[in-house]
Protein backbone atom coordinates (compact mmCIF):
# COMPACT_ATOMS: atom_id res chain seq x y z
CA MET A 1 71.90 92.95 94.75
CA THR A 2 68.80 94.83 95.43
CA ALA A 3 68.06 95.50 99.48
CA PHE A 4 63.94 95.33 100.41
CA ASP A 5 62.40 97.11 103.25
CA ASP A 6 60.11 95.41 105.68
CA GLU A 7 57.07 96.23 103.52
CA GLY A 8 58.83 95.06 99.72
CA GLY A 9 60.51 98.40 98.89
CA VAL A 10 63.72 98.99 97.75
CA MET A 11 65.85 100.77 100.38
CA SER A 12 67.49 103.53 99.25
CA THR A 13 71.69 103.82 100.22
CA GLN A 14 71.25 105.58 102.73
CA ASP A 15 68.32 103.39 104.44
CA ARG A 16 70.82 100.27 103.80
CA LEU A 17 73.54 101.86 105.91
CA ILE A 18 71.83 102.66 108.38
CA TYR A 19 70.22 98.68 108.70
CA MET A 20 73.67 97.50 108.28
CA ALA A 21 74.81 99.07 111.20
CA ASN A 22 71.62 98.50 113.52
CA GLN A 23 71.66 95.01 112.65
CA ILE A 24 75.82 94.61 113.79
CA ALA A 25 74.90 96.30 117.32
CA ARG A 26 71.96 94.34 117.29
CA ASN A 27 73.70 91.24 116.79
CA LEU A 28 75.81 92.34 119.77
CA ALA A 29 74.28 93.54 121.98
CA ILE A 30 74.32 90.66 123.83
CA GLU A 31 78.43 90.94 124.82
CA GLY A 32 76.92 94.71 126.89
CA THR A 33 76.47 98.18 125.92
CA ASP A 34 80.33 98.85 126.00
CA ARG A 35 81.60 95.72 124.61
CA SER A 36 79.17 95.84 122.30
CA VAL A 37 80.44 99.66 120.98
CA GLU A 38 83.85 98.54 120.81
CA MET A 39 82.86 95.24 118.56
CA VAL A 40 80.80 97.35 116.43
CA ALA A 41 83.13 100.25 116.31
CA ASP A 42 85.66 97.56 115.27
CA HIS A 43 83.25 95.44 111.93
CA ILE A 44 83.01 99.21 110.65
CA ARG A 45 86.66 100.18 110.52
CA GLN A 46 87.10 96.29 109.00
CA PHE A 47 84.78 95.67 106.86
CA TRP A 48 83.68 98.69 106.24
CA ASP A 49 84.67 100.95 103.08
CA PRO A 50 85.66 104.13 103.52
CA SER A 51 82.46 105.61 101.06
CA MET A 52 80.84 103.26 103.82
CA ARG A 53 81.99 104.65 106.61
CA GLN A 54 81.91 108.47 105.96
CA ARG A 55 78.21 108.17 104.74
CA ILE A 56 77.35 106.08 107.69
CA ALA A 57 78.73 109.16 109.73
CA GLU A 58 77.17 111.82 107.45
CA LEU A 59 74.09 110.05 108.21
CA PHE A 60 75.10 109.95 111.22
CA LYS A 61 74.15 114.15 111.76
CA ASP A 62 71.40 114.11 109.84
CA ARG A 63 69.11 111.08 111.54
CA PRO A 64 70.78 110.91 114.44
CA ASP A 65 67.53 109.12 116.06
CA ALA A 66 67.70 106.05 112.77
CA LEU A 67 69.87 104.30 114.85
CA SER A 68 69.95 102.33 117.72
CA PRO A 69 71.77 103.60 120.97
CA ILE A 70 74.58 100.60 120.19
CA ALA A 71 74.75 101.96 116.93
CA ALA A 72 75.38 105.72 116.95
CA ALA A 73 77.85 105.09 120.13
CA ALA A 74 79.64 102.71 117.99
CA ILE A 75 79.71 105.66 114.37
CA ALA A 76 79.92 108.11 117.15
CA ARG A 77 83.70 106.47 118.14
CA ILE A 78 84.16 106.29 114.57
CA ALA A 79 83.82 109.99 113.81
CA ALA A 80 85.94 110.90 116.37
CA SER A 81 88.75 108.74 116.10
């Protein structure tokens, strides 16, 4: 399956991971910041394969501003564990 950005261009794998993390965070934001951070971290731990988790952690270091605050906090929590 090919992922497209908002302009119809093909997303890179890195951009797709960032997009997915931000989308999960956006969908769970209604839970409040602390709860949503934990829920995003849990979702990524449970449903993303290890290589995806490793890559998003690397992207968090390289491009921290690309992640929403909730997604960034969740990735930081995963990286610390």
